[in-house]
Amino acid sequence: MLAKDMVAASAKPLLLSILAEGESYGYEIIQRVRELSGGQIEWSDGMLYPVLHRLERDGLIESEWKEADTGRQRKYYFISTDGRKVLKTERQQWLTVHNTLGKLWKHKPVTI
């Protein structure tokens, strides 16, 4: 399991990336994160919805109530044009961190 600060830091780029694939609703997003991380990242409703609401307030995502196949109403989220621009920046920043750590850790085992 990832440390809480890593989960928090990665929430925005993960959500924007998932929604860039297509619209989705809360439970489906939680399942997608679990699937993508091989179970290493576990989001709860209490973690997800405040981030979704913040991204919506910031204009990075939008939402719409729709009827699901079951007949229930579900709130679907989708990325906005501004969200796509922010995702591009987030992606570059995360790739920089990833590549930098990769260079540091490439052939150096961690010693205790």
N, C-alpha and C. Protein backbone atom coordinates (compact mmCIF):
# COMPACT_ATOMS: atom_id res chain seq x y z
N MET A 1 0.84 -1.19 0.00
CA MET A 1 0.00 0.00 0.00
C MET A 1 0.89 1.25 0.00
N LEU A 2 0.44 2.23 -0.73
CA LEU A 2 1.16 3.50 -0.79
C LEU A 2 0.92 4.33 0.46
N ALA A 3 1.91 5.12 0.82
CA ALA A 3 1.77 6.04 1.94
C ALA A 3 0.71 7.09 1.60
N LYS A 4 0.04 7.60 2.63
CA LYS A 4 -1.05 8.56 2.42
C LYS A 4 -0.62 9.80 1.65
N ASP A 5 0.59 10.29 1.91
CA ASP A 5 1.03 11.50 1.21
C ASP A 5 1.25 11.23 -0.28
N MET A 6 1.67 10.02 -0.63
CA MET A 6 1.82 9.65 -2.05
C MET A 6 0.46 9.53 -2.73
N VAL A 7 -0.50 8.95 -2.01
CA VAL A 7 -1.86 8.83 -2.54
C VAL A 7 -2.44 10.22 -2.79
N ALA A 8 -2.26 11.11 -1.82
CA ALA A 8 -2.79 12.48 -1.95
C ALA A 8 -2.12 13.22 -3.11
N ALA A 9 -0.81 13.11 -3.22
CA ALA A 9 -0.09 13.82 -4.27
C ALA A 9 -0.44 13.33 -5.67
N SER A 10 -0.76 12.05 -5.78
CA SER A 10 -1.04 11.47 -7.09
C SER A 10 -2.52 11.52 -7.48
N ALA A 11 -3.39 11.96 -6.58
CA ALA A 11 -4.83 11.93 -6.85
C ALA A 11 -5.23 12.77 -8.05
N LYS A 12 -4.74 13.98 -8.12
CA LYS A 12 -5.12 14.89 -9.21
C LYS A 12 -4.71 14.33 -10.58
N PRO A 13 -3.44 13.98 -10.79
CA PRO A 13 -3.08 13.45 -12.11
C PRO A 13 -3.75 12.11 -12.43
N LEU A 14 -3.98 11.29 -11.42
CA LEU A 14 -4.67 10.02 -11.66
C LEU A 14 -6.11 10.27 -12.11
N LEU A 15 -6.81 11.13 -11.39
CA LEU A 15 -8.21 11.42 -11.74
C LEU A 15 -8.31 12.04 -13.12
N LEU A 16 -7.48 13.02 -13.40
CA LEU A 16 -7.53 13.66 -14.71
C LEU A 16 -7.20 12.66 -15.82
N SER A 17 -6.25 11.78 -15.58
CA SER A 17 -5.88 10.78 -16.58
C SER A 17 -7.01 9.78 -16.82
N ILE A 18 -7.64 9.34 -15.76
CA ILE A 18 -8.77 8.40 -15.89
C ILE A 18 -9.91 9.06 -16.65
N LEU A 19 -10.22 10.30 -16.30
CA LEU A 19 -11.32 10.99 -16.97
C LEU A 19 -10.97 11.39 -18.39
N ALA A 20 -9.69 11.49 -18.72
CA ALA A 20 -9.27 11.74 -20.10
C ALA A 20 -9.58 10.53 -20.98
N GLU A 21 -9.68 9.34 -20.35
CA GLU A 21 -10.06 8.13 -21.09
C GLU A 21 -11.55 8.13 -21.43
N GLY A 22 -12.34 8.85 -20.64
CA GLY A 22 -13.79 8.90 -20.84
C GLY A 22 -14.49 9.17 -19.54
N GLU A 23 -15.77 9.53 -19.63
CA GLU A 23 -16.52 9.86 -18.41
C GLU A 23 -16.62 8.65 -17.49
N SER A 24 -16.79 8.94 -16.21
CA SER A 24 -16.85 7.87 -15.23
C SER A 24 -17.55 8.37 -13.98
N TYR A 25 -17.99 7.45 -13.11
CA TYR A 25 -18.61 7.81 -11.84
C TYR A 25 -17.75 7.28 -10.70
N GLY A 26 -18.05 7.72 -9.49
CA GLY A 26 -17.21 7.47 -8.33
C GLY A 26 -16.74 6.05 -8.13
N TYR A 27 -17.67 5.11 -8.01
CA TYR A 27 -17.29 3.72 -7.74
C TYR A 27 -16.42 3.16 -8.86
N GLU A 28 -16.77 3.51 -10.08
CA GLU A 28 -16.01 3.04 -11.25
C GLU A 28 -14.58 3.58 -11.22
N ILE A 29 -14.42 4.83 -10.79
CA ILE A 29 -13.09 5.45 -10.68
C ILE A 29 -12.26 4.71 -9.63
N ILE A 30 -12.87 4.44 -8.48
CA ILE A 30 -12.18 3.71 -7.41
C ILE A 30 -11.72 2.34 -7.91
N GLN A 31 -12.57 1.65 -8.64
CA GLN A 31 -12.22 0.33 -9.18
C GLN A 31 -11.10 0.43 -10.21
N ARG A 32 -11.13 1.48 -11.03
CA ARG A 32 -10.10 1.66 -12.07
C ARG A 32 -8.73 1.91 -11.43
N VAL A 33 -8.69 2.72 -10.38
CA VAL A 33 -7.43 2.99 -9.69
C VAL A 33 -6.89 1.70 -9.07
N ARG A 34 -7.77 0.93 -8.45
CA ARG A 34 -7.37 -0.35 -7.85
C ARG A 34 -6.79 -1.27 -8.93
N GLU A 35 -7.47 -1.35 -10.07
CA GLU A 35 -7.04 -2.20 -11.18
C GLU A 35 -5.68 -1.74 -11.73
N LEU A 36 -5.55 -0.46 -12.01
CA LEU A 36 -4.32 0.07 -12.59
C LEU A 36 -3.12 -0.11 -11.67
N SER A 37 -3.36 -0.02 -10.36
CA SER A 37 -2.26 -0.11 -9.39
C SER A 37 -2.02 -1.53 -8.89
N GLY A 38 -2.74 -2.48 -9.41
CA GLY A 38 -2.60 -3.85 -8.93
C GLY A 38 -2.96 -3.98 -7.46
N GLY A 39 -3.90 -3.14 -7.02
CA GLY A 39 -4.36 -3.18 -5.63
C GLY A 39 -3.47 -2.40 -4.66
N GLN A 40 -2.45 -1.73 -5.16
CA GLN A 40 -1.54 -0.99 -4.30
C GLN A 40 -2.09 0.37 -3.87
N ILE A 41 -3.04 0.91 -4.65
CA ILE A 41 -3.67 2.19 -4.29
C ILE A 41 -5.14 1.91 -4.03
N GLU A 42 -5.54 2.16 -2.81
CA GLU A 42 -6.93 1.93 -2.39
C GLU A 42 -7.56 3.26 -2.03
N TRP A 43 -8.49 3.73 -2.84
CA TRP A 43 -9.21 4.96 -2.55
C TRP A 43 -10.53 4.63 -1.90
N SER A 44 -10.96 5.49 -0.99
CA SER A 44 -12.28 5.37 -0.37
C SER A 44 -13.14 6.52 -0.89
N ASP A 45 -14.46 6.42 -0.65
CA ASP A 45 -15.37 7.52 -1.00
C ASP A 45 -14.92 8.81 -0.32
N GLY A 46 -14.51 8.69 0.94
CA GLY A 46 -14.11 9.86 1.72
C GLY A 46 -12.87 10.54 1.19
N MET A 47 -12.07 9.83 0.44
CA MET A 47 -10.88 10.42 -0.17
C MET A 47 -11.23 10.96 -1.55
N LEU A 48 -12.01 10.20 -2.32
CA LEU A 48 -12.29 10.53 -3.71
C LEU A 48 -13.15 11.77 -3.89
N TYR A 49 -14.29 11.82 -3.21
CA TYR A 49 -15.26 12.88 -3.50
C TYR A 49 -14.77 14.29 -3.17
N PRO A 50 -14.03 14.51 -2.10
CA PRO A 50 -13.50 15.86 -1.89
C PRO A 50 -12.57 16.30 -3.03
N VAL A 51 -11.78 15.37 -3.57
CA VAL A 51 -10.89 15.71 -4.68
C VAL A 51 -11.70 16.00 -5.94
N LEU A 52 -12.71 15.17 -6.22
CA LEU A 52 -13.58 15.42 -7.37
C LEU A 52 -14.24 16.79 -7.26
N HIS A 53 -14.76 17.12 -6.07
CA HIS A 53 -15.43 18.41 -5.88
C HIS A 53 -14.46 19.57 -6.06
N ARG A 54 -13.23 19.43 -5.58
CA ARG A 54 -12.22 20.48 -5.74
C ARG A 54 -11.87 20.67 -7.21
N LEU A 55 -11.67 19.56 -7.93
CA LEU A 55 -11.34 19.65 -9.35
C LEU A 55 -12.50 20.28 -10.14
N GLU A 56 -13.71 19.98 -9.72
CA GLU A 56 -14.88 20.57 -10.37
C GLU A 56 -14.95 22.07 -10.08
N ARG A 57 -14.71 22.45 -8.83
CA ARG A 57 -14.69 23.87 -8.45
C ARG A 57 -13.63 24.64 -9.23
N ASP A 58 -12.50 23.98 -9.47
CA ASP A 58 -11.39 24.60 -10.19
C ASP A 58 -11.60 24.60 -11.71
N GLY A 59 -12.68 23.99 -12.17
CA GLY A 59 -12.99 23.97 -13.59
C GLY A 59 -12.22 22.94 -14.40
N LEU A 60 -11.59 21.98 -13.71
CA LEU A 60 -10.79 20.98 -14.40
C LEU A 60 -11.62 19.77 -14.84
N ILE A 61 -12.73 19.55 -14.15
CA ILE A 61 -13.67 18.50 -14.54
C ILE A 61 -15.08 19.08 -14.46
N GLU A 62 -16.01 18.39 -15.08
CA GLU A 62 -17.42 18.75 -15.02
C GLU A 62 -18.19 17.48 -14.67
N SER A 63 -19.46 17.65 -14.32
CA SER A 63 -20.26 16.49 -13.96
C SER A 63 -21.68 16.65 -14.50
N GLU A 64 -22.33 15.51 -14.59
CA GLU A 64 -23.69 15.48 -15.09
C GLU A 64 -24.39 14.25 -14.51
N TRP A 65 -25.61 14.47 -14.04
CA TRP A 65 -26.41 13.35 -13.55
C TRP A 65 -26.99 12.62 -14.75
N LYS A 66 -26.85 11.28 -14.75
CA LYS A 66 -27.39 10.46 -15.83
C LYS A 66 -28.01 9.21 -15.23
N GLU A 67 -28.90 8.63 -15.99
CA GLU A 67 -29.52 7.38 -15.55
C GLU A 67 -28.61 6.22 -15.94
N ALA A 68 -28.29 5.40 -14.97
CA ALA A 68 -27.45 4.21 -15.21
C ALA A 68 -28.32 3.10 -15.79
N ASP A 69 -27.69 2.02 -16.22
CA ASP A 69 -28.41 0.87 -16.78
C ASP A 69 -29.42 0.31 -15.79
N THR A 70 -29.13 0.48 -14.51
CA THR A 70 -30.01 -0.03 -13.46
C THR A 70 -31.23 0.86 -13.25
N GLY A 71 -31.25 2.03 -13.88
CA GLY A 71 -32.35 2.97 -13.69
C GLY A 71 -32.06 4.01 -12.62
N ARG A 72 -31.00 3.79 -11.84
CA ARG A 72 -30.60 4.75 -10.81
C ARG A 72 -29.90 5.94 -11.44
N GLN A 73 -29.98 7.07 -10.77
CA GLN A 73 -29.26 8.26 -11.21
C GLN A 73 -27.83 8.19 -10.66
N ARG A 74 -26.87 8.48 -11.52
CA ARG A 74 -25.47 8.51 -11.12
C ARG A 74 -24.85 9.81 -11.61
N LYS A 75 -23.92 10.31 -10.83
CA LYS A 75 -23.21 11.51 -11.24
C LYS A 75 -21.95 11.09 -11.99
N TYR A 76 -21.91 11.43 -13.26
CA TYR A 76 -20.76 11.10 -14.11
C TYR A 76 -19.86 12.33 -14.20
N TYR A 77 -18.57 12.08 -14.14
CA TYR A 77 -17.57 13.14 -14.22
C TYR A 77 -16.82 13.01 -15.53
N PHE A 78 -16.43 14.15 -16.10
CA PHE A 78 -15.63 14.15 -17.31
C PHE A 78 -14.67 15.33 -17.29
N ILE A 79 -13.57 15.18 -17.99
CA ILE A 79 -12.51 16.19 -17.98
C ILE A 79 -12.93 17.37 -18.86
N SER A 80 -12.57 18.56 -18.45
CA SER A 80 -12.86 19.78 -19.23
C SER A 80 -11.66 20.13 -20.10
N THR A 81 -11.83 21.12 -20.95
CA THR A 81 -10.72 21.59 -21.78
C THR A 81 -9.58 22.08 -20.91
N ASP A 82 -9.91 22.86 -19.86
CA ASP A 82 -8.86 23.32 -18.93
C ASP A 82 -8.20 22.14 -18.23
N GLY A 83 -8.99 21.13 -17.91
CA GLY A 83 -8.45 19.93 -17.26
C GLY A 83 -7.43 19.22 -18.14
N ARG A 84 -7.69 19.19 -19.44
CA ARG A 84 -6.74 18.56 -20.37
C ARG A 84 -5.42 19.34 -20.41
N LYS A 85 -5.50 20.66 -20.33
CA LYS A 85 -4.29 21.48 -20.32
C LYS A 85 -3.49 21.23 -19.05
N VAL A 86 -4.20 21.18 -17.91
CA VAL A 86 -3.53 20.92 -16.63
C VAL A 86 -2.94 19.51 -16.62
N LEU A 87 -3.65 18.55 -17.19
CA LEU A 87 -3.15 17.18 -17.25
C LEU A 87 -1.84 17.12 -18.03
N LYS A 88 -1.75 17.86 -19.10
CA LYS A 88 -0.51 17.89 -19.89
C LYS A 88 0.66 18.36 -19.03
N THR A 89 0.45 19.40 -18.25
CA THR A 89 1.48 19.93 -17.35
C THR A 89 1.81 18.93 -16.25
N GLU A 90 0.77 18.37 -15.62
CA GLU A 90 0.96 17.37 -14.56
C GLU A 90 1.76 16.18 -15.08
N ARG A 91 1.42 15.75 -16.28
CA ARG A 91 2.10 14.59 -16.88
C ARG A 91 3.60 14.88 -17.03
N GLN A 92 3.93 16.06 -17.55
CA GLN A 92 5.34 16.42 -17.71
C GLN A 92 6.07 16.43 -16.37
N GLN A 93 5.42 16.99 -15.35
CA GLN A 93 6.04 17.07 -14.03
C GLN A 93 6.27 15.68 -13.44
N TRP A 94 5.27 14.83 -13.53
CA TRP A 94 5.41 13.48 -12.98
C TRP A 94 6.43 12.67 -13.75
N LEU A 95 6.49 12.85 -15.07
CA LEU A 95 7.50 12.14 -15.86
C LEU A 95 8.91 12.60 -15.49
N THR A 96 9.06 13.88 -15.20
CA THR A 96 10.36 14.39 -14.76
C THR A 96 10.78 13.74 -13.46
N VAL A 97 9.86 13.67 -12.50
CA VAL A 97 10.16 13.02 -11.21
C VAL A 97 10.48 11.54 -11.44
N HIS A 98 9.66 10.87 -12.21
CA HIS A 98 9.84 9.44 -12.49
C HIS A 98 11.21 9.18 -13.14
N ASN A 99 11.52 9.97 -14.16
CA ASN A 99 12.79 9.77 -14.87
C ASN A 99 14.00 10.08 -13.98
N THR A 100 13.88 11.10 -13.15
CA THR A 100 14.97 11.46 -12.25
C THR A 100 15.22 10.35 -11.24
N LEU A 101 14.15 9.85 -10.62
CA LEU A 101 14.29 8.74 -9.66
C LEU A 101 14.81 7.49 -10.35
N GLY A 102 14.34 7.25 -11.57
CA GLY A 102 14.82 6.10 -12.33
C GLY A 102 16.32 6.14 -12.54
N LYS A 103 16.85 7.32 -12.84
CA LYS A 103 18.30 7.46 -13.02
C LYS A 103 19.04 7.22 -11.71
N LEU A 104 18.50 7.72 -10.62
CA LEU A 104 19.14 7.53 -9.32
C LEU A 104 19.12 6.07 -8.88
N TRP A 105 18.03 5.39 -9.15
CA TRP A 105 17.83 4.04 -8.63
C TRP A 105 18.20 2.93 -9.61
N LYS A 106 18.58 3.28 -10.81
CA LYS A 106 18.77 2.29 -11.87
C LYS A 106 19.65 1.11 -11.45
N HIS A 107 20.81 1.38 -10.96
CA HIS A 107 21.73 0.27 -10.63
C HIS A 107 22.22 0.36 -9.19
N LYS A 108 21.46 1.01 -8.36
CA LYS A 108 21.91 1.18 -6.97
C LYS A 108 20.90 0.56 -6.03
N PRO A 109 21.21 -0.63 -5.52
CA PRO A 109 20.29 -1.24 -4.56
C PRO A 109 20.24 -0.41 -3.27
N VAL A 110 19.09 -0.41 -2.65
CA VAL A 110 18.93 0.30 -1.38
C VAL A 110 19.57 -0.54 -0.30
N THR A 111 20.46 0.08 0.46
CA THR A 111 21.10 -0.62 1.57
C THR A 111 20.56 -0.09 2.89
N ILE A 112 20.50 -0.97 3.83
CA ILE A 112 19.96 -0.59 5.16
C ILE A 112 21.09 -0.61 6.18
